[in-house]
Amino acid sequence: MDWTSIVVAVVTGGLAFLGVLVANRKTGALIAYRLEQLEAKVDKHNHFAERMPVVEEQIKVANHRIEDLERKVET
């Protein structure tokens, strides 16, 4: 075996390893960003789910008031 082929193999392996590390770091950053965006969407949805019972109760009250007004108009 020739020393130059060993050196070339070591250098190539080292550069490949560095490339994998850089790619891994970028992928991790992208995953973290997308996870943050997903968490924001879930939080927004949860706040909507908390407000729905309030809206339903307000609709129920409005329907009762409309029924009362309709009864007054009929009489």
PDB file of N, CA and C in Angstrom:
ATOM      1  N   MET A   1       0.820  -1.186   0.000  1.00  0.00           N
ATOM      2  CA  MET A   1       0.000   0.000   0.000  1.00  0.00           C
ATOM      3  C   MET A   1       0.862   1.246   0.000  1.00  0.00           C
ATOM      4  N   ASP A   2       0.354   2.213  -0.666  1.00  0.00           N
ATOM      5  CA  ASP A   2       1.080   3.464  -0.802  1.00  0.00           C
ATOM      6  C   ASP A   2       0.613   4.439   0.272  1.00  0.00           C
ATOM      7  N   TRP A   3       1.542   5.223   0.828  1.00  0.00           N
ATOM      8  CA  TRP A   3       1.191   6.207   1.870  1.00  0.00           C
ATOM      9  C   TRP A   3       0.255   7.284   1.345  1.00  0.00           C
ATOM     10  N   THR A   4       0.389   7.626   0.114  1.00  0.00           N
ATOM     11  CA  THR A   4      -0.471   8.680  -0.432  1.00  0.00           C
ATOM     12  C   THR A   4      -1.932   8.234  -0.477  1.00  0.00           C
ATOM     13  N   SER A   5      -2.169   6.971  -0.775  1.00  0.00           N
ATOM     14  CA  SER A   5      -3.552   6.484  -0.812  1.00  0.00           C
ATOM     15  C   SER A   5      -4.152   6.468   0.592  1.00  0.00           C
ATOM     16  N   ILE A   6      -3.343   6.183   1.589  1.00  0.00           N
ATOM     17  CA  ILE A   6      -3.813   6.210   2.982  1.00  0.00           C
ATOM     18  C   ILE A   6      -4.155   7.640   3.388  1.00  0.00           C
ATOM     19  N   VAL A   7      -3.287   8.576   3.049  1.00  0.00           N
ATOM     20  CA  VAL A   7      -3.527   9.986   3.386  1.00  0.00           C
ATOM     21  C   VAL A   7      -4.786  10.480   2.680  1.00  0.00           C
ATOM     22  N   VAL A   8      -4.936  10.133   1.407  1.00  0.00           N
ATOM     23  CA  VAL A   8      -6.125  10.550   0.650  1.00  0.00           C
ATOM     24  C   VAL A   8      -7.380   9.963   1.291  1.00  0.00           C
ATOM     25  N   ALA A   9      -7.334   8.711   1.705  1.00  0.00           N
ATOM     26  CA  ALA A   9      -8.489   8.067   2.329  1.00  0.00           C
ATOM     27  C   ALA A   9      -8.831   8.742   3.652  1.00  0.00           C
ATOM     28  N   VAL A  10      -7.824   9.066   4.453  1.00  0.00           N
ATOM     29  CA  VAL A  10      -8.067   9.719   5.749  1.00  0.00           C
ATOM     30  C   VAL A  10      -8.644  11.119   5.527  1.00  0.00           C
ATOM     31  N   VAL A  11      -8.066  11.873   4.615  1.00  0.00           N
ATOM     32  CA  VAL A  11      -8.564  13.229   4.341  1.00  0.00           C
ATOM     33  C   VAL A  11      -9.997  13.160   3.815  1.00  0.00           C
ATOM     34  N   THR A  12     -10.268  12.266   2.891  1.00  0.00           N
ATOM     35  CA  THR A  12     -11.613  12.116   2.337  1.00  0.00           C
ATOM     36  C   THR A  12     -12.606  11.724   3.429  1.00  0.00           C
ATOM     37  N   GLY A  13     -12.210  10.792   4.265  1.00  0.00           N
ATOM     38  CA  GLY A  13     -13.082  10.385   5.376  1.00  0.00           C
ATOM     39  C   GLY A  13     -13.345  11.531   6.335  1.00  0.00           C
ATOM     40  N   GLY A  14     -12.307  12.296   6.646  1.00  0.00           N
ATOM     41  CA  GLY A  14     -12.481  13.443   7.543  1.00  0.00           C
ATOM     42  C   GLY A  14     -13.398  14.498   6.962  1.00  0.00           C
ATOM     43  N   LEU A  15     -13.223  14.797   5.683  1.00  0.00           N
ATOM     44  CA  LEU A  15     -14.096  15.781   5.043  1.00  0.00           C
ATOM     45  C   LEU A  15     -15.538  15.280   4.960  1.00  0.00           C
ATOM     46  N   ALA A  16     -15.705  14.003   4.691  1.00  0.00           N
ATOM     47  CA  ALA A  16     -17.054  13.430   4.650  1.00  0.00           C
ATOM     48  C   ALA A  16     -17.707  13.525   6.024  1.00  0.00           C
ATOM     49  N   PHE A  17     -16.934  13.252   7.067  1.00  0.00           N
ATOM     50  CA  PHE A  17     -17.435  13.345   8.437  1.00  0.00           C
ATOM     51  C   PHE A  17     -17.844  14.779   8.761  1.00  0.00           C
ATOM     52  N   LEU A  18     -17.021  15.758   8.370  1.00  0.00           N
ATOM     53  CA  LEU A  18     -17.371  17.166   8.600  1.00  0.00           C
ATOM     54  C   LEU A  18     -18.634  17.547   7.824  1.00  0.00           C
ATOM     55  N   GLY A  19     -18.774  17.057   6.619  1.00  0.00           N
ATOM     56  CA  GLY A  19     -19.979  17.325   5.831  1.00  0.00           C
ATOM     57  C   GLY A  19     -21.225  16.783   6.497  1.00  0.00           C
ATOM     58  N   VAL A  20     -21.107  15.590   7.057  1.00  0.00           N
ATOM     59  CA  VAL A  20     -22.242  14.992   7.768  1.00  0.00           C
ATOM     60  C   VAL A  20     -22.585  15.817   9.002  1.00  0.00           C
ATOM     61  N   LEU A  21     -21.584  16.278   9.727  1.00  0.00           N
ATOM     62  CA  LEU A  21     -21.845  17.089  10.923  1.00  0.00           C
ATOM     63  C   LEU A  21     -22.554  18.396  10.577  1.00  0.00           C
ATOM     64  N   VAL A  22     -22.088  19.059   9.519  1.00  0.00           N
ATOM     65  CA  VAL A  22     -22.714  20.325   9.109  1.00  0.00           C
ATOM     66  C   VAL A  22     -24.153  20.077   8.666  1.00  0.00           C
ATOM     67  N   ALA A  23     -24.378  19.057   7.869  1.00  0.00           N
ATOM     68  CA  ALA A  23     -25.728  18.747   7.386  1.00  0.00           C
ATOM     69  C   ALA A  23     -26.640  18.397   8.557  1.00  0.00           C
ATOM     70  N   ASN A  24     -26.113  17.655   9.506  1.00  0.00           N
ATOM     71  CA  ASN A  24     -26.884  17.258  10.686  1.00  0.00           C
ATOM     72  C   ASN A  24     -27.280  18.484  11.503  1.00  0.00           C
ATOM     73  N   ARG A  25     -26.380  19.407  11.638  1.00  0.00           N
ATOM     74  CA  ARG A  25     -26.652  20.625  12.415  1.00  0.00           C
ATOM     75  C   ARG A  25     -27.751  21.458  11.743  1.00  0.00           C
ATOM     76  N   LYS A  26     -27.665  21.594  10.418  1.00  0.00           N
ATOM     77  CA  LYS A  26     -28.679  22.356   9.691  1.00  0.00           C
ATOM     78  C   LYS A  26     -30.036  21.670   9.773  1.00  0.00           C
ATOM     79  N   THR A  27     -30.047  20.358   9.649  1.00  0.00           N
ATOM     80  CA  THR A  27     -31.295  19.613   9.744  1.00  0.00           C
ATOM     81  C   THR A  27     -31.905  19.760  11.134  1.00  0.00           C
ATOM     82  N   GLY A  28     -31.076  19.701  12.161  1.00  0.00           N
ATOM     83  CA  GLY A  28     -31.564  19.881  13.532  1.00  0.00           C
ATOM     84  C   GLY A  28     -32.159  21.260  13.743  1.00  0.00           C
ATOM     85  N   ALA A  29     -31.528  22.279  13.171  1.00  0.00           N
ATOM     86  CA  ALA A  29     -32.053  23.638  13.299  1.00  0.00           C
ATOM     87  C   ALA A  29     -33.391  23.765  12.580  1.00  0.00           C
ATOM     88  N   LEU A  30     -33.516  23.152  11.410  1.00  0.00           N
ATOM     89  CA  LEU A  30     -34.770  23.199  10.666  1.00  0.00           C
ATOM     90  C   LEU A  30     -35.878  22.470  11.420  1.00  0.00           C
ATOM     91  N   ILE A  31     -35.566  21.337  11.989  1.00  0.00           N
ATOM     92  CA  ILE A  31     -36.555  20.590  12.766  1.00  0.00           C
ATOM     93  C   ILE A  31     -37.001  21.400  13.974  1.00  0.00           C
ATOM     94  N   ALA A  32     -36.072  22.046  14.656  1.00  0.00           N
ATOM     95  CA  ALA A  32     -36.423  22.873  15.809  1.00  0.00           C
ATOM     96  C   ALA A  32     -37.331  24.028  15.398  1.00  0.00           C
ATOM     97  N   TYR A  33     -37.035  24.667  14.273  1.00  0.00           N
ATOM     98  CA  TYR A  33     -37.867  25.775  13.788  1.00  0.00           C
ATOM     99  C   TYR A  33     -39.278  25.291  13.455  1.00  0.00           C
ATOM    100  N   ARG A  34     -39.372  24.188  12.741  1.00  0.00           N
ATOM    101  CA  ARG A  34     -40.687  23.678  12.349  1.00  0.00           C
ATOM    102  C   ARG A  34     -41.476  23.216  13.569  1.00  0.00           C
ATOM    103  N   LEU A  35     -40.796  22.682  14.571  1.00  0.00           N
ATOM    104  CA  LEU A  35     -41.470  22.277  15.800  1.00  0.00           C
ATOM    105  C   LEU A  35     -42.038  23.494  16.533  1.00  0.00           C
ATOM    106  N   GLU A  36     -41.275  24.595  16.564  1.00  0.00           N
ATOM    107  CA  GLU A  36     -41.770  25.828  17.172  1.00  0.00           C
ATOM    108  C   GLU A  36     -43.013  26.330  16.448  1.00  0.00           C
ATOM    109  N   GLN A  37     -42.996  26.277  15.112  1.00  0.00           N
ATOM    110  CA  GLN A  37     -44.153  26.723  14.345  1.00  0.00           C
ATOM    111  C   GLN A  37     -45.368  25.847  14.626  1.00  0.00           C
ATOM    112  N   LEU A  38     -45.151  24.552  14.736  1.00  0.00           N
ATOM    113  CA  LEU A  38     -46.241  23.628  15.035  1.00  0.00           C
ATOM    114  C   LEU A  38     -46.802  23.883  16.426  1.00  0.00           C
ATOM    115  N   GLU A  39     -45.929  24.142  17.396  1.00  0.00           N
ATOM    116  CA  GLU A  39     -46.387  24.447  18.752  1.00  0.00           C
ATOM    117  C   GLU A  39     -47.225  25.714  18.767  1.00  0.00           C
ATOM    118  N   ALA A  40     -46.849  26.706  17.974  1.00  0.00           N
ATOM    119  CA  ALA A  40     -47.629  27.947  17.906  1.00  0.00           C
ATOM    120  C   ALA A  40     -49.019  27.667  17.337  1.00  0.00           C
ATOM    121  N   LYS A  41     -49.101  26.826  16.320  1.00  0.00           N
ATOM    122  CA  LYS A  41     -50.402  26.483  15.751  1.00  0.00           C
ATOM    123  C   LYS A  41     -51.258  25.722  16.761  1.00  0.00           C
ATOM    124  N   VAL A  42     -50.652  24.816  17.496  1.00  0.00           N
ATOM    125  CA  VAL A  42     -51.392  24.042  18.496  1.00  0.00           C
ATOM    126  C   VAL A  42     -51.899  24.972  19.598  1.00  0.00           C
ATOM    127  N   ASP A  43     -51.073  25.910  20.029  1.00  0.00           N
ATOM    128  CA  ASP A  43     -51.510  26.870  21.046  1.00  0.00           C
ATOM    129  C   ASP A  43     -52.687  27.693  20.547  1.00  0.00           C
ATOM    130  N   LYS A  44     -52.625  28.127  19.301  1.00  0.00           N
ATOM    131  CA  LYS A  44     -53.716  28.900  18.724  1.00  0.00           C
ATOM    132  C   LYS A  44     -54.992  28.066  18.698  1.00  0.00           C
ATOM    133  N   HIS A  45     -54.873  26.819  18.308  1.00  0.00           N
ATOM    134  CA  HIS A  45     -56.032  25.931  18.275  1.00  0.00           C
ATOM    135  C   HIS A  45     -56.591  25.705  19.684  1.00  0.00           C
ATOM    136  N   ASN A  46     -55.726  25.535  20.660  1.00  0.00           N
ATOM    137  CA  ASN A  46     -56.188  25.308  22.030  1.00  0.00           C
ATOM    138  C   ASN A  46     -56.958  26.511  22.557  1.00  0.00           C
ATOM    139  N   HIS A  47     -56.501  27.716  22.232  1.00  0.00           N
ATOM    140  CA  HIS A  47     -57.226  28.903  22.675  1.00  0.00           C
ATOM    141  C   HIS A  47     -58.598  28.957  22.017  1.00  0.00           C
ATOM    142  N   PHE A  48     -58.682  28.537  20.770  1.00  0.00           N
ATOM    143  CA  PHE A  48     -59.967  28.494  20.075  1.00  0.00           C
ATOM    144  C   PHE A  48     -60.897  27.498  20.769  1.00  0.00           C
ATOM    145  N   ALA A  49     -60.366  26.344  21.130  1.00  0.00           N
ATOM    146  CA  ALA A  49     -61.174  25.319  21.786  1.00  0.00           C
ATOM    147  C   ALA A  49     -61.658  25.795  23.154  1.00  0.00           C
ATOM    148  N   GLU A  50     -60.882  26.621  23.824  1.00  0.00           N
ATOM    149  CA  GLU A  50     -61.298  27.154  25.122  1.00  0.00           C
ATOM    150  C   GLU A  50     -62.423  28.176  24.958  1.00  0.00           C
ATOM    151  N   ARG A  51     -62.422  28.905  23.851  1.00  0.00           N
ATOM    152  CA  ARG A  51     -63.430  29.952  23.640  1.00  0.00           C
ATOM    153  C   ARG A  51     -64.749  29.407  23.130  1.00  0.00           C
ATOM    154  N   MET A  52     -64.756  28.255  22.509  1.00  0.00           N
ATOM    155  CA  MET A  52     -65.984  27.728  21.907  1.00  0.00           C
ATOM    156  C   MET A  52     -67.121  27.556  22.901  1.00  0.00           C
ATOM    157  N   PRO A  53     -66.929  27.013  24.101  1.00  0.00           N
ATOM    158  CA  PRO A  53     -68.050  26.907  25.034  1.00  0.00           C
ATOM    159  C   PRO A  53     -68.651  28.275  25.371  1.00  0.00           C
ATOM    160  N   VAL A  54     -67.838  29.303  25.440  1.00  0.00           N
ATOM    161  CA  VAL A  54     -68.332  30.651  25.716  1.00  0.00           C
ATOM    162  C   VAL A  54     -69.222  31.119  24.566  1.00  0.00           C
ATOM    163  N   VAL A  55     -68.777  30.883  23.343  1.00  0.00           N
ATOM    164  CA  VAL A  55     -69.549  31.281  22.172  1.00  0.00           C
ATOM    165  C   VAL A  55     -70.864  30.501  22.123  1.00  0.00           C
ATOM    166  N   GLU A  56     -70.809  29.224  22.414  1.00  0.00           N
ATOM    167  CA  GLU A  56     -72.018  28.408  22.409  1.00  0.00           C
ATOM    168  C   GLU A  56     -73.030  28.928  23.431  1.00  0.00           C
ATOM    169  N   GLU A  57     -72.553  29.301  24.595  1.00  0.00           N
ATOM    170  CA  GLU A  57     -73.448  29.843  25.620  1.00  0.00           C
ATOM    171  C   GLU A  57     -74.049  31.171  25.166  1.00  0.00           C
ATOM    172  N   GLN A  58     -73.262  32.015  24.534  1.00  0.00           N
ATOM    173  CA  GLN A  58     -73.778  33.287  24.032  1.00  0.00           C
ATOM    174  C   GLN A  58     -74.827  33.065  22.939  1.00  0.00           C
ATOM    175  N   ILE A  59     -74.638  32.083  22.092  1.00  0.00           N
ATOM    176  CA  ILE A  59     -75.616  31.761  21.054  1.00  0.00           C
ATOM    177  C   ILE A  59     -76.908  31.267  21.688  1.00  0.00           C
ATOM    178  N   LYS A  60     -76.770  30.447  22.718  1.00  0.00           N
ATOM    179  CA  LYS A  60     -77.946  29.938  23.408  1.00  0.00           C
ATOM    180  C   LYS A  60     -78.768  31.087  24.002  1.00  0.00           C
ATOM    181  N   VAL A  61     -78.085  32.025  24.630  1.00  0.00           N
ATOM    182  CA  VAL A  61     -78.761  33.189  25.214  1.00  0.00           C
ATOM    183  C   VAL A  61     -79.418  34.022  24.110  1.00  0.00           C
ATOM    184  N   ALA A  62     -78.726  34.240  23.018  1.00  0.00           N
ATOM    185  CA  ALA A  62     -79.279  35.019  21.916  1.00  0.00           C
ATOM    186  C   ALA A  62     -80.514  34.337  21.338  1.00  0.00           C
ATOM    187  N   ASN A  63     -80.487  33.022  21.214  1.00  0.00           N
ATOM    188  CA  ASN A  63     -81.646  32.290  20.696  1.00  0.00           C
ATOM    189  C   ASN A  63     -82.849  32.453  21.619  1.00  0.00           C
ATOM    190  N   HIS A  64     -82.619  32.392  22.936  1.00  0.00           N
ATOM    191  CA  HIS A  64     -83.711  32.591  23.890  1.00  0.00           C
ATOM    192  C   HIS A  64     -84.286  34.001  23.758  1.00  0.00           C
ATOM    193  N   ARG A  65     -83.424  34.978  23.606  1.00  0.00           N
ATOM    194  CA  ARG A  65     -83.905  36.358  23.462  1.00  0.00           C
ATOM    195  C   ARG A  65     -84.707  36.524  22.174  1.00  0.00           C
ATOM    196  N   ILE A  66     -84.270  35.897  21.100  1.00  0.00           N
ATOM    197  CA  ILE A  66     -85.001  35.964  19.833  1.00  0.00           C
ATOM    198  C   ILE A  66     -86.369  35.304  19.989  1.00  0.00           C
ATOM    199  N   GLU A  67     -86.412  34.147  20.646  1.00  0.00           N
ATOM    200  CA  GLU A  67     -87.693  33.466  20.879  1.00  0.00           C
ATOM    201  C   GLU A  67     -88.630  34.346  21.700  1.00  0.00           C
ATOM    202  N   ASP A  68     -88.120  35.008  22.729  1.00  0.00           N
ATOM    203  CA  ASP A  68     -88.944  35.896  23.547  1.00  0.00           C
ATOM    204  C   ASP A  68     -89.489  37.050  22.704  1.00  0.00           C
ATOM    205  N   LEU A  69     -88.644  37.631  21.863  1.00  0.00           N
ATOM    206  CA  LEU A  69     -89.092  38.727  21.005  1.00  0.00           C
ATOM    207  C   LEU A  69     -90.136  38.252  19.992  1.00  0.00           C
ATOM    208  N   GLU A  70     -89.950  37.061  19.446  1.00  0.00           N
ATOM    209  CA  GLU A  70     -90.929  36.519  18.503  1.00  0.00           C
ATOM    210  C   GLU A  70     -92.278  36.299  19.181  1.00  0.00           C
ATOM    211  N   ARG A  71     -92.263  35.823  20.431  1.00  0.00           N
ATOM    212  CA  ARG A  71     -93.512  35.625  21.169  1.00  0.00           C
ATOM    213  C   ARG A  71     -94.211  36.957  21.406  1.00  0.00           C
ATOM    214  N   LYS A  72     -93.428  37.997  21.713  1.00  0.00           N
ATOM    215  CA  LYS A  72     -94.025  39.322  21.959  1.00  0.00           C
ATOM    216  C   LYS A  72     -94.630  39.871  20.673  1.00  0.00           C
ATOM    217  N   VAL A  73     -94.022  39.637  19.545  1.00  0.00           N
ATOM    218  CA  VAL A  73     -94.526  40.140  18.273  1.00  0.00           C
ATOM    219  C   VAL A  73     -95.817  39.411  17.894  1.00  0.00           C
ATOM    220  N   GLU A  74     -95.892  38.126  18.186  1.00  0.00           N
ATOM    221  CA  GLU A  74     -97.072  37.307  17.842  1.00  0.00           C
ATOM    222  C   GLU A  74     -98.278  37.716  18.668  1.00  0.00           C
ATOM    223  N   THR A  75     -98.087  38.200  19.870  1.00  0.00           N
ATOM    224  CA  THR A  75     -99.230  38.565  20.735  1.00  0.00           C
ATOM    225  C   THR A  75     -99.633  39.986  20.597  1.00  0.00           C
TER     226      THR A  75
END
